[in-house]
Amino acid sequence: MARDELTRLTGNGNGTCGEDDCPNVYRTASGSIVVQGDVSDAFTPPQGEGLVEIPESVLREAVRALGW
């Protein structure tokens, strides 16, 4: 899946997230959520899965964007 197929829910291009290289939350066409963040080594996830760490403020922004 290409990034341009996702709806970006966070990051408004205000200079802190304008380079597509910061924590972000995206929504897919099917309604699932994709999270971009720093790789975390909090624990070893099952094969085929990964862990990312994103700030609480990014999650709050995503929740507002989704109207939850």
C-alpha atoms as a PDB file:
ATOM      1  CA  MET A   1       0.000   0.000   0.000  1.00  0.00           C
ATOM      2  CA  ALA A   2       1.384   3.399  -0.939  1.00  0.00           C
ATOM      3  CA  ARG A   3       1.290   6.350   1.448  1.00  0.00           C
ATOM      4  CA  ASP A   4      -0.785   8.371  -1.022  1.00  0.00           C
ATOM      5  CA  GLU A   5      -3.559   5.773  -0.649  1.00  0.00           C
ATOM      6  CA  LEU A   6      -3.900   6.641   3.056  1.00  0.00           C
ATOM      7  CA  THR A   7      -5.770   9.509   4.721  1.00  0.00           C
ATOM      8  CA  ARG A   8      -3.411  11.369   7.026  1.00  0.00           C
ATOM      9  CA  LEU A   9      -5.162  12.154  10.318  1.00  0.00           C
ATOM     10  CA  THR A  10      -2.323  13.980  12.074  1.00  0.00           C
ATOM     11  CA  GLY A  11       0.364  16.511  11.238  1.00  0.00           C
ATOM     12  CA  ASN A  12      -0.722  19.744   9.611  1.00  0.00           C
ATOM     13  CA  GLY A  13       2.512  20.644   7.858  1.00  0.00           C
ATOM     14  CA  ASN A  14       3.244  23.395  10.397  1.00  0.00           C
ATOM     15  CA  GLY A  15       6.973  22.726  10.298  1.00  0.00           C
ATOM     16  CA  THR A  16       7.103  19.958  12.875  1.00  0.00           C
ATOM     17  CA  CYS A  17       5.523  17.279  10.691  1.00  0.00           C
ATOM     18  CA  GLY A  18       5.950  18.668   7.198  1.00  0.00           C
ATOM     19  CA  GLU A  19       8.597  16.247   5.977  1.00  0.00           C
ATOM     20  CA  ASP A  20       6.558  13.017   6.397  1.00  0.00           C
ATOM     21  CA  ASP A  21       9.203  11.766   8.807  1.00  0.00           C
ATOM     22  CA  CYS A  22       7.500  12.258  12.145  1.00  0.00           C
ATOM     23  CA  PRO A  23       4.945  10.289  14.167  1.00  0.00           C
ATOM     24  CA  ASN A  24       1.613  10.186  12.337  1.00  0.00           C
ATOM     25  CA  VAL A  25      -1.647   8.284  12.246  1.00  0.00           C
ATOM     26  CA  TYR A  26      -3.296   7.336   8.955  1.00  0.00           C
ATOM     27  CA  ARG A  27      -6.607   5.722   7.984  1.00  0.00           C
ATOM     28  CA  THR A  28      -6.864   3.168   5.175  1.00  0.00           C
ATOM     29  CA  ALA A  29      -9.696   2.978   2.640  1.00  0.00           C
ATOM     30  CA  SER A  30     -11.085   0.006   4.573  1.00  0.00           C
ATOM     31  CA  GLY A  31     -11.124   2.031   7.810  1.00  0.00           C
ATOM     32  CA  SER A  32      -8.182   0.463   9.618  1.00  0.00           C
ATOM     33  CA  ILE A  33      -5.463   2.570  11.241  1.00  0.00           C
ATOM     34  CA  VAL A  34      -1.778   2.748  10.292  1.00  0.00           C
ATOM     35  CA  VAL A  35       0.658   4.294  12.784  1.00  0.00           C
ATOM     36  CA  GLN A  36       4.064   5.762  11.908  1.00  0.00           C
ATOM     37  CA  GLY A  37       6.549   6.354  14.701  1.00  0.00           C
ATOM     38  CA  ASP A  38       9.926   5.591  16.172  1.00  0.00           C
ATOM     39  CA  VAL A  39      10.727   1.890  16.376  1.00  0.00           C
ATOM     40  CA  SER A  40      10.323   0.643  19.943  1.00  0.00           C
ATOM     41  CA  ASP A  41      12.147  -2.196  21.624  1.00  0.00           C
ATOM     42  CA  ALA A  42       9.773  -2.387  24.622  1.00  0.00           C
ATOM     43  CA  PHE A  43       9.340  -6.123  23.978  1.00  0.00           C
ATOM     44  CA  THR A  44       9.740  -8.570  21.119  1.00  0.00           C
ATOM     45  CA  PRO A  45       6.472  -8.793  19.179  1.00  0.00           C
ATOM     46  CA  PRO A  46       5.316 -11.902  17.329  1.00  0.00           C
ATOM     47  CA  GLN A  47       6.857 -12.525  13.918  1.00  0.00           C
ATOM     48  CA  GLY A  48       5.340 -10.312  11.243  1.00  0.00           C
ATOM     49  CA  GLU A  49       4.437  -7.544  13.722  1.00  0.00           C
ATOM     50  CA  GLY A  50       6.297  -4.456  14.837  1.00  0.00           C
ATOM     51  CA  LEU A  51       6.188  -1.895  17.618  1.00  0.00           C
ATOM     52  CA  VAL A  52       6.221   1.867  17.166  1.00  0.00           C
ATOM     53  CA  GLU A  53       6.191   4.624  19.741  1.00  0.00           C
ATOM     54  CA  ILE A  54       4.289   7.855  19.165  1.00  0.00           C
ATOM     55  CA  PRO A  55       3.572  10.803  21.470  1.00  0.00           C
ATOM     56  CA  GLU A  56       0.234  11.040  23.268  1.00  0.00           C
ATOM     57  CA  SER A  57      -0.425  14.353  21.512  1.00  0.00           C
ATOM     58  CA  VAL A  58      -0.411  12.574  18.133  1.00  0.00           C
ATOM     59  CA  LEU A  59      -2.996  10.046  19.346  1.00  0.00           C
ATOM     60  CA  ARG A  60      -5.170  12.844  20.743  1.00  0.00           C
ATOM     61  CA  GLU A  61      -5.000  14.652  17.388  1.00  0.00           C
ATOM     62  CA  ALA A  62      -6.034  11.462  15.571  1.00  0.00           C
ATOM     63  CA  VAL A  63      -8.968  10.915  17.926  1.00  0.00           C
ATOM     64  CA  ARG A  64     -10.159  14.490  17.292  1.00  0.00           C
ATOM     65  CA  ALA A  65      -9.788  14.028  13.523  1.00  0.00           C
ATOM     66  CA  LEU A  66     -11.891  10.846  13.674  1.00  0.00           C
ATOM     67  CA  GLY A  67     -14.531  12.521  15.831  1.00  0.00           C
ATOM     68  CA  TRP A  68     -14.259   9.899  18.574  1.00  0.00           C
END
